[in-house]
Amino acid sequence: MPPLHQGIGSSYGRGHDGHLPFYLIKIQLSLIPLAIFVYGIYFYTLRPFEVRWSTRRAFAKRNDRNMLMTFRFVDGRILIHSELGQSDSPWESICRVLQTPDGFLLFSDPEIFHFLPKRGFKDPEEIPLFSKLCSEMVEHISHLR
């Protein structure tokens, strides 16, 4: 008579030889393509919305959101001043500039940038001068139309 209680380390669900029956192995292997398919649907359809939602949520929690920042470009340096502090960086810290219809993105890292809106310039005539300065100081400058 088989034992009434199977303790830890028992072979519950296994055959007499301790291995899983073939039909269970077949079911488990057939779930792999299904899992890959479901992940693909998630990655290509839902993931972009999740990333957008989490980015907006993180931005809403930032202390410096929508804060006035003053940028000055003097003697090959970039001086940034805000209510939270100030920064002094060389132009070499900018690896790429992307000019958009609304402003300039100054990338200090492939994923980190400062946005300088065109409406933030004191004089609209400074915008082409700044664009020229960027092309002189930064190797990678591109335009987004």
N, C-alpha and C. Protein backbone atom coordinates (compact mmCIF):
# COMPACT_ATOMS: atom_id res chain seq x y z
N MET A 1 0.85 -1.18 0.00
CA MET A 1 0.00 0.00 0.00
C MET A 1 0.89 1.24 0.00
N PRO A 2 0.59 2.24 -0.89
CA PRO A 2 1.41 3.44 -0.94
C PRO A 2 1.23 4.28 0.32
N PRO A 3 2.24 5.06 0.66
CA PRO A 3 2.13 5.91 1.85
C PRO A 3 1.04 6.96 1.66
N LEU A 4 0.36 7.34 2.75
CA LEU A 4 -0.71 8.33 2.69
C LEU A 4 -0.15 9.75 2.56
N HIS A 5 1.01 9.97 3.09
CA HIS A 5 1.59 11.31 3.05
C HIS A 5 2.94 11.25 2.35
N GLN A 6 3.10 12.12 1.38
CA GLN A 6 4.39 12.16 0.69
C GLN A 6 5.12 13.40 1.19
N GLY A 7 6.23 13.23 1.82
CA GLY A 7 6.96 14.32 2.46
C GLY A 7 7.82 15.12 1.49
N ILE A 8 8.67 15.91 2.06
CA ILE A 8 9.57 16.76 1.28
C ILE A 8 10.51 15.88 0.48
N GLY A 9 10.72 16.26 -0.75
CA GLY A 9 11.61 15.50 -1.61
C GLY A 9 10.92 14.31 -2.25
N SER A 10 9.61 14.28 -2.16
CA SER A 10 8.90 13.15 -2.75
C SER A 10 8.89 13.29 -4.27
N SER A 11 8.50 12.25 -4.92
CA SER A 11 8.46 12.26 -6.39
C SER A 11 7.03 12.39 -6.88
N TYR A 12 6.25 13.26 -6.26
CA TYR A 12 4.85 13.44 -6.63
C TYR A 12 4.75 13.90 -8.08
N GLY A 13 3.92 13.27 -8.86
CA GLY A 13 3.72 13.63 -10.26
C GLY A 13 4.74 13.00 -11.17
N ARG A 14 5.65 12.24 -10.65
CA ARG A 14 6.68 11.62 -11.47
C ARG A 14 6.35 10.15 -11.65
N GLY A 15 6.94 9.59 -12.65
CA GLY A 15 6.72 8.16 -12.91
C GLY A 15 7.44 7.30 -11.88
N HIS A 16 7.35 5.99 -12.06
CA HIS A 16 7.98 5.07 -11.12
C HIS A 16 9.49 5.20 -11.12
N ASP A 17 10.05 5.63 -12.25
CA ASP A 17 11.51 5.76 -12.32
C ASP A 17 12.00 7.14 -11.87
N GLY A 18 11.10 8.05 -11.42
CA GLY A 18 11.50 9.36 -10.92
C GLY A 18 11.52 10.45 -11.97
N HIS A 19 11.23 10.13 -13.20
CA HIS A 19 11.23 11.12 -14.28
C HIS A 19 9.81 11.56 -14.59
N LEU A 20 9.69 12.76 -15.17
CA LEU A 20 8.38 13.24 -15.59
C LEU A 20 7.89 12.42 -16.77
N PRO A 21 6.61 12.13 -16.80
CA PRO A 21 6.06 11.42 -17.96
C PRO A 21 6.23 12.26 -19.22
N PHE A 22 6.31 11.60 -20.36
CA PHE A 22 6.57 12.26 -21.64
C PHE A 22 5.52 13.32 -21.97
N TYR A 23 4.26 13.06 -21.68
CA TYR A 23 3.22 14.03 -22.03
C TYR A 23 3.38 15.33 -21.25
N LEU A 24 3.89 15.30 -20.01
CA LEU A 24 4.13 16.53 -19.25
C LEU A 24 5.30 17.31 -19.84
N ILE A 25 6.32 16.61 -20.26
CA ILE A 25 7.46 17.27 -20.90
C ILE A 25 7.02 17.94 -22.20
N LYS A 26 6.18 17.25 -22.97
CA LYS A 26 5.67 17.79 -24.23
C LYS A 26 4.84 19.05 -23.99
N ILE A 27 4.01 19.04 -22.95
CA ILE A 27 3.19 20.22 -22.62
C ILE A 27 4.09 21.38 -22.22
N GLN A 28 5.10 21.12 -21.38
CA GLN A 28 6.00 22.18 -20.94
C GLN A 28 6.77 22.76 -22.12
N LEU A 29 7.24 21.94 -23.03
CA LEU A 29 7.98 22.44 -24.18
C LEU A 29 7.09 23.22 -25.14
N SER A 30 5.82 22.84 -25.23
CA SER A 30 4.93 23.56 -26.13
C SER A 30 4.54 24.93 -25.57
N LEU A 31 4.78 25.18 -24.29
CA LEU A 31 4.48 26.48 -23.70
C LEU A 31 5.56 27.52 -24.00
N ILE A 32 6.75 27.09 -24.38
CA ILE A 32 7.84 28.03 -24.66
C ILE A 32 7.51 28.94 -25.85
N PRO A 33 7.08 28.42 -27.00
CA PRO A 33 6.72 29.34 -28.10
C PRO A 33 5.56 30.27 -27.72
N LEU A 34 4.61 29.77 -26.95
CA LEU A 34 3.50 30.61 -26.51
C LEU A 34 4.00 31.75 -25.62
N ALA A 35 4.92 31.45 -24.72
CA ALA A 35 5.47 32.48 -23.84
C ALA A 35 6.24 33.52 -24.66
N ILE A 36 7.00 33.09 -25.64
CA ILE A 36 7.73 34.02 -26.51
C ILE A 36 6.76 34.90 -27.29
N PHE A 37 5.68 34.33 -27.78
CA PHE A 37 4.67 35.07 -28.52
C PHE A 37 4.00 36.12 -27.63
N VAL A 38 3.62 35.73 -26.42
CA VAL A 38 2.97 36.67 -25.49
C VAL A 38 3.93 37.79 -25.12
N TYR A 39 5.19 37.47 -24.87
CA TYR A 39 6.18 38.51 -24.55
C TYR A 39 6.36 39.46 -25.74
N GLY A 40 6.37 38.92 -26.95
CA GLY A 40 6.51 39.77 -28.14
C GLY A 40 5.35 40.74 -28.27
N ILE A 41 4.15 40.26 -28.02
CA ILE A 41 2.99 41.16 -28.07
C ILE A 41 3.12 42.25 -27.01
N TYR A 42 3.51 41.88 -25.81
CA TYR A 42 3.71 42.87 -24.74
C TYR A 42 4.78 43.88 -25.14
N PHE A 43 5.93 43.39 -25.61
CA PHE A 43 7.07 44.26 -25.90
C PHE A 43 6.75 45.26 -27.00
N TYR A 44 6.06 44.83 -28.05
CA TYR A 44 5.81 45.71 -29.19
C TYR A 44 4.52 46.51 -29.10
N THR A 45 3.59 46.12 -28.23
CA THR A 45 2.34 46.88 -28.15
C THR A 45 2.18 47.61 -26.83
N LEU A 46 2.41 46.96 -25.72
CA LEU A 46 2.15 47.58 -24.42
C LEU A 46 3.37 48.29 -23.84
N ARG A 47 4.55 47.82 -24.12
CA ARG A 47 5.77 48.40 -23.52
C ARG A 47 5.96 49.87 -23.84
N PRO A 48 5.74 50.35 -25.08
CA PRO A 48 5.89 51.79 -25.33
C PRO A 48 4.97 52.65 -24.47
N PHE A 49 3.74 52.19 -24.22
CA PHE A 49 2.84 52.94 -23.36
C PHE A 49 3.30 52.91 -21.91
N GLU A 50 3.84 51.78 -21.48
CA GLU A 50 4.35 51.68 -20.12
C GLU A 50 5.55 52.60 -19.91
N VAL A 51 6.44 52.67 -20.89
CA VAL A 51 7.61 53.54 -20.78
C VAL A 51 7.18 55.00 -20.74
N ARG A 52 6.25 55.39 -21.61
CA ARG A 52 5.75 56.77 -21.62
C ARG A 52 5.10 57.11 -20.29
N TRP A 53 4.27 56.21 -19.76
CA TRP A 53 3.60 56.44 -18.48
C TRP A 53 4.61 56.57 -17.34
N SER A 54 5.59 55.68 -17.28
CA SER A 54 6.56 55.73 -16.18
C SER A 54 7.45 56.96 -16.28
N THR A 55 7.78 57.40 -17.51
CA THR A 55 8.59 58.60 -17.67
C THR A 55 7.83 59.83 -17.20
N ARG A 56 6.58 59.95 -17.60
CA ARG A 56 5.77 61.09 -17.16
C ARG A 56 5.57 61.07 -15.65
N ARG A 57 5.37 59.90 -15.10
CA ARG A 57 5.19 59.78 -13.65
C ARG A 57 6.46 60.20 -12.90
N ALA A 58 7.61 59.76 -13.41
CA ALA A 58 8.87 60.12 -12.77
C ALA A 58 9.12 61.63 -12.89
N PHE A 59 8.80 62.22 -14.04
CA PHE A 59 9.00 63.65 -14.22
C PHE A 59 8.10 64.44 -13.28
N ALA A 60 6.88 63.98 -13.07
CA ALA A 60 5.94 64.69 -12.20
C ALA A 60 6.43 64.73 -10.75
N LYS A 61 7.27 63.77 -10.37
CA LYS A 61 7.79 63.72 -9.00
C LYS A 61 9.09 64.49 -8.81
N ARG A 62 9.67 65.00 -9.90
CA ARG A 62 10.96 65.69 -9.80
C ARG A 62 10.80 67.06 -9.15
N ASN A 63 11.78 67.44 -8.34
CA ASN A 63 11.77 68.76 -7.71
C ASN A 63 12.05 69.88 -8.70
N ASP A 64 12.78 69.58 -9.76
CA ASP A 64 13.19 70.62 -10.70
C ASP A 64 12.30 70.71 -11.94
N ARG A 65 11.15 70.07 -11.93
CA ARG A 65 10.29 70.13 -13.11
C ARG A 65 9.77 71.55 -13.30
N ASN A 66 9.75 71.98 -14.53
CA ASN A 66 9.26 73.30 -14.92
C ASN A 66 9.93 74.44 -14.17
N MET A 67 11.17 74.23 -13.76
CA MET A 67 11.91 75.25 -13.03
C MET A 67 12.68 76.12 -14.02
N LEU A 68 12.77 77.39 -13.73
CA LEU A 68 13.52 78.32 -14.57
C LEU A 68 15.01 78.06 -14.40
N MET A 69 15.69 77.86 -15.51
CA MET A 69 17.14 77.65 -15.50
C MET A 69 17.76 78.67 -16.44
N THR A 70 18.88 79.22 -16.03
CA THR A 70 19.59 80.21 -16.84
C THR A 70 20.86 79.57 -17.37
N PHE A 71 21.03 79.60 -18.69
CA PHE A 71 22.22 79.08 -19.35
C PHE A 71 23.04 80.26 -19.85
N ARG A 72 24.33 80.21 -19.59
CA ARG A 72 25.25 81.21 -20.15
C ARG A 72 26.40 80.45 -20.78
N PHE A 73 26.82 80.93 -21.94
CA PHE A 73 27.90 80.29 -22.68
C PHE A 73 29.03 81.29 -22.79
N VAL A 74 30.07 81.08 -21.95
CA VAL A 74 31.15 82.05 -21.83
C VAL A 74 32.49 81.32 -21.89
N ASP A 75 33.39 81.81 -22.74
CA ASP A 75 34.78 81.32 -22.79
C ASP A 75 34.89 79.80 -22.85
N GLY A 76 34.11 79.17 -23.71
CA GLY A 76 34.19 77.73 -23.87
C GLY A 76 33.59 76.95 -22.72
N ARG A 77 32.79 77.60 -21.90
CA ARG A 77 32.17 76.95 -20.76
C ARG A 77 30.66 77.14 -20.82
N ILE A 78 29.95 76.23 -20.17
CA ILE A 78 28.51 76.30 -20.07
C ILE A 78 28.17 76.48 -18.59
N LEU A 79 27.59 77.64 -18.27
CA LEU A 79 27.21 77.95 -16.90
C LEU A 79 25.70 77.82 -16.78
N ILE A 80 25.25 76.99 -15.85
CA ILE A 80 23.82 76.76 -15.63
C ILE A 80 23.49 77.16 -14.20
N HIS A 81 22.43 77.94 -14.05
CA HIS A 81 22.02 78.39 -12.73
C HIS A 81 20.53 78.17 -12.56
N SER A 82 20.13 77.64 -11.41
CA SER A 82 18.72 77.46 -11.07
C SER A 82 18.54 77.68 -9.58
N GLU A 83 17.31 77.56 -9.10
CA GLU A 83 17.03 77.71 -7.68
C GLU A 83 17.70 76.62 -6.85
N LEU A 84 17.92 75.46 -7.45
CA LEU A 84 18.50 74.34 -6.71
C LEU A 84 20.02 74.34 -6.68
N GLY A 85 20.66 75.08 -7.59
CA GLY A 85 22.11 75.09 -7.61
C GLY A 85 22.64 75.62 -8.92
N GLN A 86 23.92 75.41 -9.11
CA GLN A 86 24.55 75.89 -10.33
C GLN A 86 25.57 74.88 -10.81
N SER A 87 25.92 75.02 -12.09
CA SER A 87 26.84 74.09 -12.71
C SER A 87 27.76 74.86 -13.64
N ASP A 88 28.99 74.40 -13.73
CA ASP A 88 29.98 74.98 -14.63
C ASP A 88 30.65 73.82 -15.36
N SER A 89 30.40 73.70 -16.67
CA SER A 89 30.92 72.57 -17.44
C SER A 89 31.61 73.07 -18.69
N PRO A 90 32.62 72.34 -19.15
CA PRO A 90 33.23 72.70 -20.44
C PRO A 90 32.34 72.23 -21.59
N TRP A 91 32.52 72.84 -22.75
CA TRP A 91 31.76 72.42 -23.93
C TRP A 91 32.06 70.96 -24.28
N GLU A 92 33.22 70.46 -23.90
CA GLU A 92 33.57 69.08 -24.18
C GLU A 92 32.65 68.09 -23.49
N SER A 93 31.91 68.54 -22.47
CA SER A 93 30.98 67.64 -21.79
C SER A 93 29.73 67.38 -22.63
N ILE A 94 29.53 68.16 -23.69
CA ILE A 94 28.39 67.98 -24.59
C ILE A 94 28.83 67.08 -25.74
N CYS A 95 28.21 65.91 -25.86
CA CYS A 95 28.62 64.95 -26.89
C CYS A 95 27.80 65.10 -28.17
N ARG A 96 26.63 65.74 -28.08
CA ARG A 96 25.76 65.84 -29.26
C ARG A 96 24.76 66.96 -29.05
N VAL A 97 24.39 67.63 -30.14
CA VAL A 97 23.34 68.65 -30.11
C VAL A 97 22.32 68.29 -31.17
N LEU A 98 21.05 68.34 -30.77
CA LEU A 98 19.96 68.10 -31.70
C LEU A 98 19.11 69.37 -31.73
N GLN A 99 19.03 69.99 -32.91
CA GLN A 99 18.22 71.19 -33.06
C GLN A 99 16.84 70.77 -33.55
N THR A 100 15.81 71.16 -32.80
CA THR A 100 14.43 70.85 -33.15
C THR A 100 13.72 72.14 -33.54
N PRO A 101 12.52 72.05 -34.07
CA PRO A 101 11.78 73.28 -34.39
C PRO A 101 11.51 74.15 -33.15
N ASP A 102 11.48 73.52 -31.96
CA ASP A 102 11.16 74.27 -30.74
C ASP A 102 12.36 74.66 -29.91
N GLY A 103 13.54 74.09 -30.19
CA GLY A 103 14.70 74.42 -29.37
C GLY A 103 15.88 73.52 -29.65
N PHE A 104 16.74 73.41 -28.65
CA PHE A 104 17.98 72.64 -28.76
C PHE A 104 18.05 71.62 -27.63
N LEU A 105 18.46 70.42 -27.97
CA LEU A 105 18.74 69.39 -26.97
C LEU A 105 20.26 69.26 -26.88
N LEU A 106 20.81 69.54 -25.71
CA LEU A 106 22.25 69.40 -25.47
C LEU A 106 22.47 68.11 -24.70
N PHE A 107 23.04 67.12 -25.36
CA PHE A 107 23.25 65.81 -24.74
C PHE A 107 24.62 65.76 -24.06
N SER A 108 24.61 65.49 -22.76
CA SER A 108 25.87 65.26 -22.04
C SER A 108 26.17 63.77 -21.96
N ASP A 109 25.20 62.97 -22.36
CA ASP A 109 25.28 61.51 -22.36
C ASP A 109 24.25 61.07 -23.41
N PRO A 110 24.37 59.87 -23.95
CA PRO A 110 23.36 59.46 -24.94
C PRO A 110 21.92 59.52 -24.44
N GLU A 111 21.70 59.47 -23.13
CA GLU A 111 20.35 59.47 -22.59
C GLU A 111 20.03 60.68 -21.71
N ILE A 112 20.99 61.56 -21.48
CA ILE A 112 20.79 62.71 -20.60
C ILE A 112 21.00 63.98 -21.42
N PHE A 113 20.05 64.89 -21.33
CA PHE A 113 20.16 66.12 -22.10
C PHE A 113 19.50 67.28 -21.36
N HIS A 114 19.86 68.48 -21.80
CA HIS A 114 19.19 69.71 -21.38
C HIS A 114 18.45 70.23 -22.59
N PHE A 115 17.25 70.74 -22.36
CA PHE A 115 16.46 71.32 -23.44
C PHE A 115 16.48 72.83 -23.30
N LEU A 116 16.92 73.50 -24.35
CA LEU A 116 16.90 74.96 -24.40
C LEU A 116 15.83 75.37 -25.40
N PRO A 117 14.68 75.83 -24.92
CA PRO A 117 13.63 76.23 -25.85
C PRO A 117 14.00 77.53 -26.57
N LYS A 118 13.60 77.63 -27.82
CA LYS A 118 13.88 78.86 -28.59
C LYS A 118 13.17 80.06 -27.98
N ARG A 119 12.03 79.83 -27.35
CA ARG A 119 11.32 80.94 -26.73
C ARG A 119 12.05 81.46 -25.49
N GLY A 120 13.06 80.72 -25.02
CA GLY A 120 13.83 81.14 -23.85
C GLY A 120 14.96 82.12 -24.16
N PHE A 121 15.27 82.30 -25.44
CA PHE A 121 16.32 83.26 -25.80
C PHE A 121 15.77 84.67 -25.64
N LYS A 122 16.60 85.60 -25.14
CA LYS A 122 16.15 86.98 -24.96
C LYS A 122 15.82 87.64 -26.28
N ASP A 123 16.65 87.35 -27.29
CA ASP A 123 16.49 87.97 -28.60
C ASP A 123 16.44 86.87 -29.65
N PRO A 124 15.43 86.85 -30.52
CA PRO A 124 15.35 85.80 -31.55
C PRO A 124 16.57 85.78 -32.48
N GLU A 125 17.30 86.88 -32.57
CA GLU A 125 18.50 86.91 -33.41
C GLU A 125 19.64 86.09 -32.82
N GLU A 126 19.53 85.72 -31.53
CA GLU A 126 20.57 84.92 -30.88
C GLU A 126 20.50 83.45 -31.30
N ILE A 127 19.35 83.01 -31.79
CA ILE A 127 19.15 81.59 -32.12
C ILE A 127 20.11 81.12 -33.21
N PRO A 128 20.24 81.83 -34.36
CA PRO A 128 21.22 81.37 -35.35
C PRO A 128 22.66 81.46 -34.85
N LEU A 129 22.93 82.44 -34.00
CA LEU A 129 24.28 82.55 -33.43
C LEU A 129 24.58 81.36 -32.52
N PHE A 130 23.59 80.95 -31.74
CA PHE A 130 23.77 79.79 -30.87
C PHE A 130 23.94 78.52 -31.70
N SER A 131 23.17 78.39 -32.76
CA SER A 131 23.29 77.23 -33.64
C SER A 131 24.70 77.16 -34.24
N LYS A 132 25.23 78.31 -34.64
CA LYS A 132 26.59 78.36 -35.18
C LYS A 132 27.61 77.99 -34.11
N LEU A 133 27.41 78.49 -32.88
CA LEU A 133 28.30 78.17 -31.77
C LEU A 133 28.30 76.66 -31.51
N CYS A 134 27.12 76.05 -31.55
CA CYS A 134 27.02 74.60 -31.34
C CYS A 134 27.79 73.84 -32.41
N SER A 135 27.65 74.27 -33.67
CA SER A 135 28.34 73.56 -34.75
C SER A 135 29.85 73.72 -34.64
N GLU A 136 30.33 74.81 -34.04
CA GLU A 136 31.77 75.00 -33.84
C GLU A 136 32.30 74.21 -32.66
N MET A 137 31.49 74.07 -31.61
CA MET A 137 31.97 73.48 -30.36
C MET A 137 31.70 71.98 -30.23
N VAL A 138 30.69 71.48 -30.95
CA VAL A 138 30.28 70.07 -30.80
C VAL A 138 30.43 69.37 -32.14
N GLU A 139 31.00 68.18 -32.10
CA GLU A 139 31.24 67.42 -33.33
C GLU A 139 29.96 66.90 -33.96
N HIS A 140 29.03 66.41 -33.12
CA HIS A 140 27.80 65.81 -33.64
C HIS A 140 26.63 66.76 -33.42
N ILE A 141 26.22 67.43 -34.48
CA ILE A 141 25.04 68.28 -34.43
C ILE A 141 24.10 67.86 -35.54
N SER A 142 22.83 67.71 -35.20
CA SER A 142 21.86 67.30 -36.21
C SER A 142 20.59 68.14 -36.04
N HIS A 143 19.80 68.14 -37.10
CA HIS A 143 18.58 68.95 -37.13
C HIS A 143 17.37 68.02 -37.28
N LEU A 144 16.37 68.29 -36.51
CA LEU A 144 15.11 67.56 -36.58
C LEU A 144 14.08 68.51 -37.16
N ARG A 145 13.50 68.13 -38.26
CA ARG A 145 12.54 69.04 -38.91
C ARG A 145 11.13 68.62 -38.64
